[in-house]
Amino acid sequence: MINDTTYHELRLFNSLTRQLEPFQPVHPGEARVYSCGPTVYNYQHIGNMRAYVFADTLGRTLEYKGYKLTHVVNITDVGHLTSDADEGEDKMEKMAALQGKSAWDIAAFYQADFENDLARLNIQPKQHPKATDYVPAMIEWGKGMADAHCYELDSGLYFDISTVEDYGRLARAVTEEGEGRIEKLEGKRNAGDFAIWRKTPAGETRQMEWDSPWGKGAPGWHLECSVMGEELLGFPFDIHTGGIDHREIHHPNEIAQNQAFAQANHGACCGMDGGGLTNATNSGANIWMHNNFLVERSGKMSKSSGEFLRLQLLVDKGFHPLAYRLMCLQAHYRSELEFSWEGLEAALTRLKRMVMATTRMADVDPNPVAEHPKFASPLSKFDEAMADDLNTPIALTALEDALAVKKVDAGIKRAVIESMDAVLGLNLFGLTREDLRIRPVSAEISEAEIEDALARRKAARADKDFATSDAIRDELAAKGVDVMDGDPLGWEWKLS
């Protein structure tokens, strides 16, 4: 941090208590975070990626506040059905059959693509454990829960949600009939009961299946996060994140498993310690955080549509991935964010302005100082915004305030901007004008051809040959190039 006087206490919204709470680490000086990762059966759409921009911003903020960060983002490569409610086909097996590949190859391909998207969004590297590497540990968890919390059906081993206290409190959506989004399976004691282990149906063979006390099969989707969270971070850890859709089914089921684990291993569950879910050991994490949805009105956010919005499509249309990151930061993570191409264009223009401002400091070494009067206000504003449950929209305005400061040592200014950008992750000093001028795949002209045409047009205008100048402009327009005479950003042209 550039200026310790800007320090404000970090407060985060806990979905479990529905209130802002001060961040108090379980382990002094450390922050341990678990974020629900993707099911790697397909490409990730940009709504999925909003969750990882949020989680990355959280991790960067914790580091900015001085904590040593351990951040786990799991990879679901087995167990997730086509419905989030233990119904339908296994997503991995289904895609493998559709593509004529092994489920293992499907998982490897889409995990690599996901990690490439993370890099393009400047999301810092995390631990990415795979569910398949923890199946033996999941079986041991199942054994530990089976007698007190589970029952067996022909289809598998199911968790009885009535055996834990306050099931569904996180979602605040439980009725006497159970969670409304789950249809009752024949033989289930409660509609909300969920699979710990799914048996391979008689006469079938799955590509991904293991031996267990309940027969050959695969783990339920919810179990992996409990197991990996406990093994890699230890109960209780500090923060668990995910999309708001996880708040309704996946995370309540995860918490139920954690309660059962706490009871089996510590005798501290289901009111036995008088705390119920108020004891973080029981829910697994001190704070549960959820980002809201990205909304796209045309319906192209659903993978079931076949063609959906993914990061590569944005690039194909000429948008740098960090314009999308900025678009996400322009809304608070707990607010819905509506996606539109116009909104993305505006975010790209805003990013260009920031990059142009930092270009003037490109050859200057940062000169961090304890404090500087001209930056005291934007630094305090920035720190207060990030400490207030990651209020990135206000933090962005503080960054722009700092960029606008004039008549100050350039090295000091660079250090201030770098400290803010380290939290927001826009890579302002790593981007150039060329990076942000991405050629859409539909463009019929190369950048070299554009620059050559603009040079000829500039010469024509200098000779007052406006007929030739206009003709070149029209020629470029016909090929999708907008010439921006008088553009205050100085970018001169863009591909439309």
Protein backbone atom coordinates (compact mmCIF):
# COMPACT_ATOMS: atom_id res chain seq x y z
CA MET A 1 0.00 0.00 0.00
CA ILE A 2 1.31 3.45 -0.90
CA ASN A 3 -0.21 5.31 2.04
CA ASP A 4 -1.00 3.58 5.31
CA THR A 5 -3.20 6.51 6.40
CA THR A 6 -5.77 5.42 3.79
CA TYR A 7 -6.46 2.17 5.62
CA HIS A 8 -10.10 1.20 6.13
CA GLU A 9 -11.27 -2.04 7.72
CA LEU A 10 -12.24 -4.64 5.14
CA ARG A 11 -15.93 -5.54 5.41
CA LEU A 12 -17.57 -8.22 3.27
CA PHE A 13 -21.18 -9.28 2.74
CA ASN A 14 -21.81 -12.74 4.20
CA SER A 15 -24.61 -14.53 2.34
CA LEU A 16 -25.12 -16.81 5.32
CA THR A 17 -25.98 -13.97 7.72
CA ARG A 18 -27.14 -11.50 5.02
CA GLN A 19 -25.05 -8.70 6.49
CA LEU A 20 -21.72 -6.94 6.15
CA GLU A 21 -19.06 -8.35 8.44
CA PRO A 22 -15.46 -7.34 9.19
CA PHE A 23 -12.89 -9.70 7.74
CA GLN A 24 -11.23 -11.49 10.64
CA PRO A 25 -8.85 -14.16 9.37
CA VAL A 26 -8.91 -17.62 10.89
CA HIS A 27 -5.12 -17.68 10.72
CA PRO A 28 -3.45 -14.33 11.52
CA GLY A 29 -1.90 -12.73 8.47
CA GLU A 30 -3.43 -15.29 6.10
CA ALA A 31 -6.49 -15.42 3.87
CA ARG A 32 -7.75 -18.81 2.67
CA VAL A 33 -10.36 -18.71 -0.10
CA TYR A 34 -12.25 -21.43 -1.97
CA SER A 35 -14.11 -20.61 -5.19
CA CYS A 36 -16.38 -23.04 -6.98
CA GLY A 37 -14.78 -23.76 -10.34
CA PRO A 38 -16.17 -24.82 -13.71
CA THR A 39 -17.50 -28.13 -14.95
CA VAL A 40 -15.14 -28.69 -17.86
CA TYR A 41 -17.51 -30.30 -20.35
CA ASN A 42 -17.78 -27.24 -22.62
CA TYR A 43 -16.45 -23.72 -23.13
CA GLN A 44 -17.27 -21.22 -20.37
CA HIS A 45 -19.65 -18.41 -21.28
CA ILE A 46 -18.92 -14.85 -20.18
CA GLY A 47 -21.48 -15.12 -17.37
CA ASN A 48 -19.43 -17.95 -15.90
CA MET A 49 -16.31 -15.82 -16.21
CA ARG A 50 -17.85 -12.96 -14.20
CA ALA A 51 -17.58 -15.21 -11.13
CA TYR A 52 -13.83 -15.57 -11.61
CA VAL A 53 -13.29 -11.85 -12.19
CA PHE A 54 -15.10 -11.29 -8.88
CA ALA A 55 -13.12 -13.97 -7.04
CA ASP A 56 -9.85 -12.65 -8.47
CA THR A 57 -10.72 -9.10 -7.37
CA LEU A 58 -11.46 -10.43 -3.89
CA GLY A 59 -8.09 -12.21 -3.78
CA ARG A 60 -6.24 -9.13 -5.04
CA THR A 61 -7.97 -7.01 -2.39
CA LEU A 62 -6.94 -9.41 0.37
CA GLU A 63 -3.34 -9.23 -0.82
CA TYR A 64 -3.56 -5.43 -1.06
CA LYS A 65 -4.68 -5.46 2.57
CA GLY A 66 -1.54 -7.38 3.47
CA TYR A 67 -2.76 -10.97 3.78
CA LYS A 68 -0.90 -13.99 2.46
CA LEU A 69 -3.41 -15.50 0.05
CA THR A 70 -4.16 -19.17 -0.60
CA HIS A 71 -6.87 -19.42 -3.25
CA VAL A 72 -8.34 -22.69 -4.54
CA VAL A 73 -10.58 -22.92 -7.63
CA ASN A 74 -11.64 -26.52 -8.22
CA ILE A 75 -12.10 -28.22 -11.57
CA THR A 76 -15.22 -30.39 -11.82
CA ASP A 77 -14.29 -33.16 -14.22
CA VAL A 78 -16.75 -35.75 -12.92
CA GLY A 79 -20.06 -35.95 -11.12
CA HIS A 80 -22.02 -32.91 -12.37
CA LEU A 81 -25.31 -33.92 -13.97
CA THR A 82 -27.14 -31.97 -16.68
CA SER A 83 -29.38 -30.69 -13.88
CA ASP A 84 -27.93 -29.14 -10.73
CA ALA A 85 -30.44 -31.20 -8.75
CA ASP A 86 -29.12 -34.76 -9.18
CA GLU A 87 -31.10 -35.40 -12.35
CA GLY A 88 -30.21 -36.21 -15.95
CA GLU A 89 -27.01 -37.43 -17.59
CA ASP A 90 -23.46 -36.83 -16.45
CA LYS A 91 -22.25 -33.72 -18.30
CA MET A 92 -18.80 -35.17 -18.96
CA GLU A 93 -20.10 -38.50 -20.26
CA LYS A 94 -22.72 -36.79 -22.43
CA MET A 95 -20.21 -34.47 -24.15
CA ALA A 96 -17.76 -37.34 -24.61
CA ALA A 97 -20.45 -39.32 -26.42
CA LEU A 98 -21.42 -36.33 -28.58
CA GLN A 99 -17.82 -35.67 -29.66
CA GLY A 100 -16.69 -39.30 -29.86
CA LYS A 101 -13.87 -38.69 -27.38
CA SER A 102 -12.99 -39.95 -23.92
CA ALA A 103 -14.36 -38.06 -20.95
CA TRP A 104 -10.76 -37.54 -19.82
CA ASP A 105 -9.87 -35.87 -23.13
CA ILE A 106 -12.98 -33.67 -22.92
CA ALA A 107 -11.99 -32.54 -19.42
CA ALA A 108 -8.38 -31.80 -20.41
CA PHE A 109 -9.38 -29.78 -23.49
CA TYR A 110 -11.97 -27.58 -21.78
CA GLN A 111 -9.85 -27.09 -18.66
CA ALA A 112 -7.04 -25.77 -20.88
CA ASP A 113 -9.47 -23.43 -22.61
CA PHE A 114 -10.81 -22.19 -19.25
CA GLU A 115 -7.29 -21.49 -17.99
CA ASN A 116 -6.52 -19.62 -21.21
CA ASP A 117 -9.59 -17.42 -20.62
CA LEU A 118 -8.39 -16.76 -17.07
CA ALA A 119 -5.03 -15.59 -18.39
CA ARG A 120 -6.66 -13.34 -21.01
CA LEU A 121 -8.74 -11.71 -18.27
CA ASN A 122 -5.55 -11.15 -16.22
CA ILE A 123 -6.87 -13.41 -13.46
CA GLN A 124 -4.01 -14.40 -11.18
CA PRO A 125 -2.99 -18.08 -11.09
CA LYS A 126 -4.78 -20.17 -8.45
CA GLN A 127 -4.65 -23.78 -7.30
CA HIS A 128 -6.85 -25.83 -9.67
CA PRO A 129 -7.38 -29.27 -8.08
CA LYS A 130 -9.40 -31.77 -10.14
CA ALA A 131 -12.31 -33.71 -8.65
CA THR A 132 -11.06 -36.99 -10.11
CA ASP A 133 -7.89 -36.74 -8.03
CA TYR A 134 -9.95 -36.70 -4.82
CA VAL A 135 -12.40 -39.56 -5.40
CA PRO A 136 -10.75 -41.82 -2.74
CA ALA A 137 -11.10 -38.98 -0.21
CA MET A 138 -14.73 -38.50 -1.25
CA ILE A 139 -15.41 -42.18 -0.60
CA GLU A 140 -13.92 -41.81 2.89
CA TRP A 141 -16.16 -38.81 3.52
CA GLY A 142 -19.14 -40.89 2.40
CA LYS A 143 -18.20 -43.65 4.81
CA GLY A 144 -17.96 -41.15 7.66
CA MET A 145 -21.42 -39.72 6.94
CA ALA A 146 -23.27 -42.82 5.84
CA ASP A 147 -24.56 -44.19 9.17
CA ALA A 148 -25.78 -40.92 10.72
CA HIS A 149 -26.78 -38.90 7.66
CA CYS A 150 -27.35 -41.10 4.61
CA TYR A 151 -29.49 -43.89 3.20
CA GLU A 152 -29.12 -46.09 0.16
CA LEU A 153 -31.39 -46.45 -2.86
CA ASP A 154 -30.95 -48.50 -6.01
CA SER A 155 -29.55 -45.38 -7.70
CA GLY A 156 -27.00 -44.51 -5.04
CA LEU A 157 -26.25 -43.15 -1.57
CA TYR A 158 -28.31 -40.09 -0.57
CA PHE A 159 -27.84 -37.46 2.12
CA ASP A 160 -30.86 -36.97 4.40
CA ILE A 161 -31.13 -33.21 4.86
CA SER A 162 -33.36 -33.62 7.93
CA THR A 163 -30.31 -34.86 9.87
CA VAL A 164 -28.64 -31.42 9.94
CA GLU A 165 -29.72 -28.18 11.53
CA ASP A 166 -30.98 -25.23 9.43
CA TYR A 167 -30.65 -26.94 6.06
CA GLY A 168 -31.11 -24.36 3.30
CA ARG A 169 -30.59 -21.34 5.54
CA LEU A 170 -28.07 -20.00 3.05
CA ALA A 171 -30.68 -20.03 0.27
CA ARG A 172 -33.55 -18.84 2.52
CA ALA A 173 -35.80 -20.85 0.22
CA VAL A 174 -36.69 -24.01 2.12
CA THR A 175 -40.34 -24.99 2.62
CA GLU A 176 -41.95 -28.03 4.18
CA GLU A 177 -41.73 -29.67 0.76
CA GLY A 178 -38.05 -28.84 0.41
CA GLU A 179 -36.18 -26.79 -2.15
CA GLY A 180 -38.65 -25.83 -4.85
CA ARG A 181 -36.31 -26.40 -7.81
CA ILE A 182 -35.81 -30.11 -7.01
CA GLU A 183 -38.28 -32.72 -8.21
CA LYS A 184 -38.88 -35.62 -5.86
CA LEU A 185 -37.15 -38.88 -6.82
CA GLU A 186 -38.98 -42.11 -5.98
CA GLY A 187 -37.68 -43.39 -2.65
CA LYS A 188 -36.15 -40.14 -1.41
CA ARG A 189 -37.14 -39.24 2.14
CA ASN A 190 -37.09 -35.51 1.40
CA ALA A 191 -37.29 -33.68 -1.92
CA GLY A 192 -34.01 -31.90 -1.16
CA ASP A 193 -32.01 -35.05 -0.36
CA PHE A 194 -29.01 -35.27 -2.67
CA ALA A 195 -26.59 -37.86 -3.99
CA ILE A 196 -23.34 -38.58 -2.21
CA TRP A 197 -22.63 -41.49 -4.56
CA ARG A 198 -24.34 -42.36 -7.86
CA LYS A 199 -24.28 -46.05 -8.75
CA THR A 200 -23.62 -47.10 -12.33
CA PRO A 201 -26.95 -48.56 -13.54
CA ALA A 202 -27.01 -52.32 -13.99
CA GLY A 203 -25.78 -53.36 -17.40
CA GLU A 204 -24.02 -50.03 -18.09
CA THR A 205 -20.38 -49.00 -17.98
CA ARG A 206 -19.26 -45.42 -17.47
CA GLN A 207 -15.94 -44.03 -18.61
CA MET A 208 -15.49 -42.52 -15.16
CA GLU A 209 -16.41 -44.95 -12.40
CA TRP A 210 -14.84 -46.25 -9.20
CA ASP A 211 -15.46 -49.05 -6.71
CA SER A 212 -17.10 -48.01 -3.44
CA PRO A 213 -18.96 -49.58 -0.50
CA TRP A 214 -22.20 -48.65 -2.33
CA GLY A 215 -21.24 -50.21 -5.63
CA LYS A 216 -19.36 -49.12 -8.72
CA GLY A 217 -20.15 -45.55 -9.69
CA ALA A 218 -19.15 -41.90 -9.30
CA PRO A 219 -19.42 -39.25 -6.57
CA GLY A 220 -22.23 -36.73 -6.44
CA TRP A 221 -21.37 -33.25 -7.63
CA HIS A 222 -21.64 -31.49 -4.25
CA LEU A 223 -19.16 -33.70 -2.42
CA GLU A 224 -15.99 -32.58 -4.19
CA CYS A 225 -16.05 -29.00 -2.86
CA SER A 226 -16.45 -30.13 0.74
CA VAL A 227 -13.59 -32.60 0.41
CA MET A 228 -11.17 -30.30 -1.40
CA GLY A 229 -12.01 -27.32 0.81
CA GLU A 230 -11.22 -29.30 3.95
CA GLU A 231 -8.13 -31.03 2.57
CA LEU A 232 -6.52 -27.99 0.94
CA LEU A 233 -7.58 -25.17 3.27
CA GLY A 234 -8.73 -26.85 6.49
CA PHE A 235 -11.99 -26.19 8.34
CA PRO A 236 -12.86 -23.51 8.99
CA PHE A 237 -11.30 -21.44 6.22
CA ASP A 238 -12.00 -17.78 5.59
CA ILE A 239 -14.15 -17.28 2.50
CA HIS A 240 -16.13 -19.44 0.07
CA THR A 241 -17.28 -17.86 -3.20
CA GLY A 242 -19.47 -18.78 -6.12
CA GLY A 243 -22.21 -17.58 -8.42
CA ILE A 244 -25.57 -16.70 -6.90
CA ASP A 245 -27.08 -19.82 -8.50
CA HIS A 246 -24.86 -21.90 -6.18
CA ARG A 247 -26.52 -20.24 -3.19
CA GLU A 248 -29.75 -22.14 -3.86
CA ILE A 249 -28.71 -25.81 -4.08
CA HIS A 250 -25.01 -26.53 -4.39
CA HIS A 251 -23.78 -24.52 -1.40
CA PRO A 252 -26.60 -25.55 0.99
CA ASN A 253 -25.74 -29.15 0.14
CA GLU A 254 -22.07 -28.47 0.64
CA ILE A 255 -22.77 -26.91 4.03
CA ALA A 256 -24.89 -29.92 5.03
CA GLN A 257 -21.95 -32.22 4.25
CA ASN A 258 -19.62 -29.95 6.22
CA GLN A 259 -21.97 -30.09 9.20
CA ALA A 260 -21.96 -33.87 9.02
CA PHE A 261 -18.17 -33.90 8.81
CA ALA A 262 -17.94 -31.59 11.83
CA GLN A 263 -20.22 -33.85 13.83
CA ALA A 264 -18.28 -36.97 12.91
CA ASN A 265 -14.86 -35.46 13.54
CA HIS A 266 -15.38 -32.81 16.20
CA GLY A 267 -18.77 -33.45 17.80
CA ALA A 268 -19.64 -29.86 16.91
CA CYS A 269 -22.71 -29.88 14.73
CA CYS A 270 -26.48 -29.80 14.69
CA GLY A 271 -26.63 -27.71 17.84
CA MET A 272 -24.33 -30.00 19.78
CA ASP A 273 -22.11 -27.03 20.53
CA GLY A 274 -25.08 -24.71 20.84
CA GLY A 275 -23.92 -22.79 17.77
CA GLY A 276 -25.39 -24.54 14.74
CA LEU A 277 -24.31 -22.69 11.62
CA THR A 278 -23.03 -19.75 13.63
CA ASN A 279 -19.94 -21.86 14.25
CA ALA A 280 -17.82 -21.57 11.09
CA THR A 281 -16.44 -25.08 11.60
CA ASN A 282 -19.92 -26.37 10.87
CA SER A 283 -20.50 -24.52 7.59
CA GLY A 284 -16.88 -24.85 6.49
CA ALA A 285 -16.17 -21.15 5.92
CA ASN A 286 -16.43 -17.98 7.96
CA ILE A 287 -17.93 -16.00 5.08
CA TRP A 288 -19.93 -17.13 2.05
CA MET A 289 -19.92 -14.70 -0.89
CA HIS A 290 -21.89 -14.80 -4.15
CA ASN A 291 -21.73 -12.71 -7.31
CA ASN A 292 -24.94 -11.92 -9.14
CA PHE A 293 -25.87 -12.88 -12.70
CA LEU A 294 -24.70 -11.41 -15.96
CA VAL A 295 -27.91 -10.81 -17.91
CA GLU A 296 -28.04 -10.95 -21.70
CA ARG A 297 -31.46 -10.25 -23.20
CA SER A 298 -31.08 -12.23 -26.44
CA GLY A 299 -30.84 -15.54 -24.58
CA LYS A 300 -27.31 -16.39 -25.75
CA MET A 301 -26.00 -17.01 -22.23
CA SER A 302 -27.27 -20.59 -22.17
CA LYS A 303 -24.92 -23.32 -23.33
CA SER A 304 -27.94 -25.43 -24.27
CA SER A 305 -28.55 -23.05 -27.19
CA GLY A 306 -25.43 -24.45 -28.88
CA GLU A 307 -24.01 -21.02 -29.79
CA PHE A 308 -23.41 -18.89 -26.73
CA LEU A 309 -21.43 -15.86 -25.63
CA ARG A 310 -17.89 -16.79 -24.74
CA LEU A 311 -14.75 -14.72 -24.39
CA GLN A 312 -13.42 -15.75 -27.79
CA LEU A 313 -16.55 -14.35 -29.46
CA LEU A 314 -15.81 -10.95 -27.89
CA VAL A 315 -12.27 -11.12 -29.25
CA ASP A 316 -13.56 -12.20 -32.68
CA LYS A 317 -15.66 -9.04 -32.74
CA GLY A 318 -12.65 -6.84 -31.97
CA PHE A 319 -12.86 -6.42 -28.18
CA HIS A 320 -9.91 -6.94 -25.88
CA PRO A 321 -10.75 -9.34 -23.02
CA LEU A 322 -9.80 -6.70 -20.46
CA ALA A 323 -12.62 -4.50 -21.76
CA TYR A 324 -14.92 -7.25 -20.46
CA ARG A 325 -13.08 -7.30 -17.13
CA LEU A 326 -13.58 -3.55 -16.87
CA MET A 327 -17.25 -3.98 -17.75
CA CYS A 328 -17.59 -6.41 -14.83
CA LEU A 329 -15.83 -4.02 -12.45
CA GLN A 330 -18.19 -1.20 -13.43
CA ALA A 331 -20.98 -2.97 -11.53
CA HIS A 332 -20.89 -4.13 -7.92
CA TYR A 333 -20.45 -7.89 -7.80
CA ARG A 334 -23.76 -8.34 -5.92
CA SER A 335 -25.70 -6.42 -8.59
CA GLU A 336 -27.03 -7.87 -11.82
CA LEU A 337 -24.97 -6.75 -14.79
CA GLU A 338 -26.63 -6.44 -18.17
CA PHE A 339 -24.42 -7.31 -21.10
CA SER A 340 -24.72 -5.37 -24.35
CA TRP A 341 -22.34 -4.72 -27.20
CA GLU A 342 -22.85 -0.99 -26.67
CA GLY A 343 -21.88 -1.36 -23.02
CA LEU A 344 -18.79 -3.34 -23.98
CA GLU A 345 -17.85 -0.66 -26.52
CA ALA A 346 -18.14 1.99 -23.80
CA ALA A 347 -15.95 -0.10 -21.48
CA LEU A 348 -13.34 -0.46 -24.24
CA THR A 349 -13.32 3.32 -24.76
CA ARG A 350 -12.88 3.86 -21.02
CA LEU A 351 -10.01 1.36 -20.97
CA LYS A 352 -8.39 3.15 -23.90
CA ARG A 353 -8.52 6.44 -21.99
CA MET A 354 -6.78 4.83 -19.02
CA VAL A 355 -4.12 3.24 -21.21
CA MET A 356 -3.46 6.54 -23.00
CA ALA A 357 -3.00 8.22 -19.61
CA THR A 358 -0.55 5.58 -18.39
CA THR A 359 1.40 5.63 -21.67
CA ARG A 360 2.84 8.98 -20.62
CA MET A 361 4.49 7.19 -17.67
CA ALA A 362 5.68 4.17 -19.66
CA ASP A 363 9.38 5.01 -19.42
CA VAL A 364 9.30 6.19 -15.80
CA ASP A 365 10.36 4.04 -12.87
CA PRO A 366 7.78 3.88 -10.07
CA ASN A 367 8.71 5.90 -7.01
CA PRO A 368 6.60 4.75 -4.05
CA VAL A 369 6.50 7.18 -1.15
CA ALA A 370 4.83 7.04 2.24
CA GLU A 371 2.34 9.71 1.21
CA HIS A 372 1.82 12.58 -1.20
CA PRO A 373 -0.76 15.33 -0.66
CA LYS A 374 -2.10 15.28 -4.21
CA PHE A 375 -2.87 11.58 -4.01
CA ALA A 376 -4.19 11.44 -0.44
CA SER A 377 -7.81 11.89 -1.52
CA PRO A 378 -7.93 9.37 -4.41
CA LEU A 379 -5.97 6.80 -2.40
CA SER A 380 -8.31 7.12 0.58
CA LYS A 381 -11.35 6.99 -1.71
CA PHE A 382 -9.96 3.89 -3.42
CA ASP A 383 -9.13 2.09 -0.19
CA GLU A 384 -12.49 2.93 1.37
CA ALA A 385 -14.32 1.67 -1.73
CA MET A 386 -12.50 -1.67 -1.87
CA ALA A 387 -12.87 -2.11 1.90
CA ASP A 388 -16.62 -1.56 1.53
CA ASP A 389 -17.44 -5.02 0.17
CA LEU A 390 -15.37 -4.54 -3.00
CA ASN A 391 -17.11 -1.44 -4.32
CA THR A 392 -15.26 -1.50 -7.63
CA PRO A 393 -17.42 1.15 -9.40
CA ILE A 394 -16.26 3.76 -6.88
CA ALA A 395 -12.71 2.40 -6.90
CA LEU A 396 -12.57 2.93 -10.67
CA THR A 397 -13.49 6.59 -10.27
CA ALA A 398 -10.73 6.93 -7.66
CA LEU A 399 -8.29 5.44 -10.16
CA GLU A 400 -9.41 7.99 -12.75
CA ASP A 401 -9.05 10.76 -10.16
CA ALA A 402 -5.44 9.67 -9.64
CA LEU A 403 -4.81 9.53 -13.39
CA ALA A 404 -6.06 13.11 -13.68
CA VAL A 405 -3.59 14.51 -11.12
CA LYS A 406 -1.21 16.94 -12.80
CA LYS A 407 2.09 18.64 -11.98
CA VAL A 408 3.39 15.83 -9.84
CA ASP A 409 6.45 13.57 -9.98
CA ALA A 410 5.74 10.96 -12.68
CA GLY A 411 7.42 8.19 -10.70
CA ILE A 412 5.18 8.82 -7.70
CA LYS A 413 2.12 8.92 -9.92
CA ARG A 414 3.09 5.63 -11.56
CA ALA A 415 3.53 3.97 -8.18
CA VAL A 416 0.07 5.14 -7.09
CA ILE A 417 -1.58 3.92 -10.31
CA GLU A 418 0.25 0.59 -10.12
CA SER A 419 -0.95 0.06 -6.54
CA MET A 420 -4.57 0.60 -7.61
CA ASP A 421 -4.23 -1.44 -10.80
CA ALA A 422 -2.77 -4.33 -8.80
CA VAL A 423 -6.19 -4.61 -7.16
CA LEU A 424 -8.37 -4.00 -10.23
CA GLY A 425 -6.25 -6.15 -12.54
CA LEU A 426 -6.55 -4.07 -15.72
CA ASN A 427 -2.83 -4.39 -16.58
CA LEU A 428 -2.70 -0.71 -17.53
CA PHE A 429 1.08 -0.57 -17.85
CA GLY A 430 1.19 -3.80 -19.84
CA LEU A 431 -1.28 -2.74 -22.53
CA THR A 432 -0.50 -0.74 -25.64
CA ARG A 433 -2.61 0.95 -28.29
CA GLU A 434 -1.84 -1.99 -30.59
CA ASP A 435 -3.08 -4.52 -27.99
CA LEU A 436 -6.45 -2.80 -27.77
CA ARG A 437 -6.93 -2.51 -31.52
CA ILE A 438 -8.03 -6.07 -32.24
CA ARG A 439 -9.00 -6.95 -35.80
CA PRO A 440 -12.42 -8.62 -35.96
CA VAL A 441 -12.40 -11.95 -37.80
CA SER A 442 -14.98 -10.55 -40.20
CA ALA A 443 -12.73 -7.63 -41.21
CA GLU A 444 -11.81 -7.60 -44.91
CA ILE A 445 -8.68 -5.51 -44.52
CA SER A 446 -5.39 -5.85 -42.64
CA GLU A 447 -4.01 -3.31 -40.19
CA ALA A 448 -1.08 -2.62 -42.51
CA GLU A 449 -3.49 -1.81 -45.33
CA ILE A 450 -5.42 0.52 -43.03
CA GLU A 451 -2.30 2.38 -41.96
CA ASP A 452 -1.18 2.70 -45.60
CA ALA A 453 -4.57 4.11 -46.62
CA LEU A 454 -4.54 6.56 -43.72
CA ALA A 455 -1.04 7.74 -44.68
CA ARG A 456 -2.24 8.38 -48.27
CA ARG A 457 -5.31 10.17 -46.92
CA LYS A 458 -3.18 12.33 -44.63
CA ALA A 459 -0.99 13.32 -47.59
CA ALA A 460 -4.06 14.13 -49.68
CA ARG A 461 -5.48 16.32 -46.93
CA ALA A 462 -2.14 18.12 -46.61
CA ASP A 463 -2.32 18.86 -50.37
CA LYS A 464 -5.96 20.00 -49.90
CA ASP A 465 -7.00 17.18 -52.24
CA PHE A 466 -10.24 16.56 -50.37
CA ALA A 467 -11.81 14.53 -53.15
CA THR A 468 -9.07 11.91 -52.82
CA SER A 469 -9.26 12.16 -49.02
CA ASP A 470 -13.00 11.51 -49.07
CA ALA A 471 -12.60 8.67 -51.54
CA ILE A 472 -10.08 6.92 -49.27
CA ARG A 473 -12.38 7.43 -46.31
CA ASP A 474 -15.30 5.89 -48.24
CA GLU A 475 -13.09 3.01 -49.36
CA LEU A 476 -12.16 2.27 -45.75
CA ALA A 477 -15.77 2.58 -44.58
CA ALA A 478 -16.83 0.00 -47.17
CA LYS A 479 -14.38 -2.42 -45.57
CA GLY A 480 -15.65 -1.79 -42.04
CA VAL A 481 -13.11 0.82 -40.94
CA ASP A 482 -14.39 3.95 -39.20
CA VAL A 483 -11.97 6.87 -39.60
CA MET A 484 -12.19 9.01 -36.46
CA ASP A 485 -11.05 12.50 -37.42
CA GLY A 486 -10.59 14.64 -34.35
CA ASP A 487 -10.83 11.67 -31.99
CA PRO A 488 -9.84 13.06 -28.56
CA LEU A 489 -8.24 9.73 -27.70
CA GLY A 490 -6.01 9.95 -30.75
CA TRP A 491 -6.85 6.42 -31.90
CA GLU A 492 -7.66 7.62 -35.44
CA TRP A 493 -9.60 4.58 -36.61
CA LYS A 494 -11.52 1.54 -35.46
CA LEU A 495 -12.96 -1.56 -37.08
CA SER A 496 -16.73 -1.62 -36.91
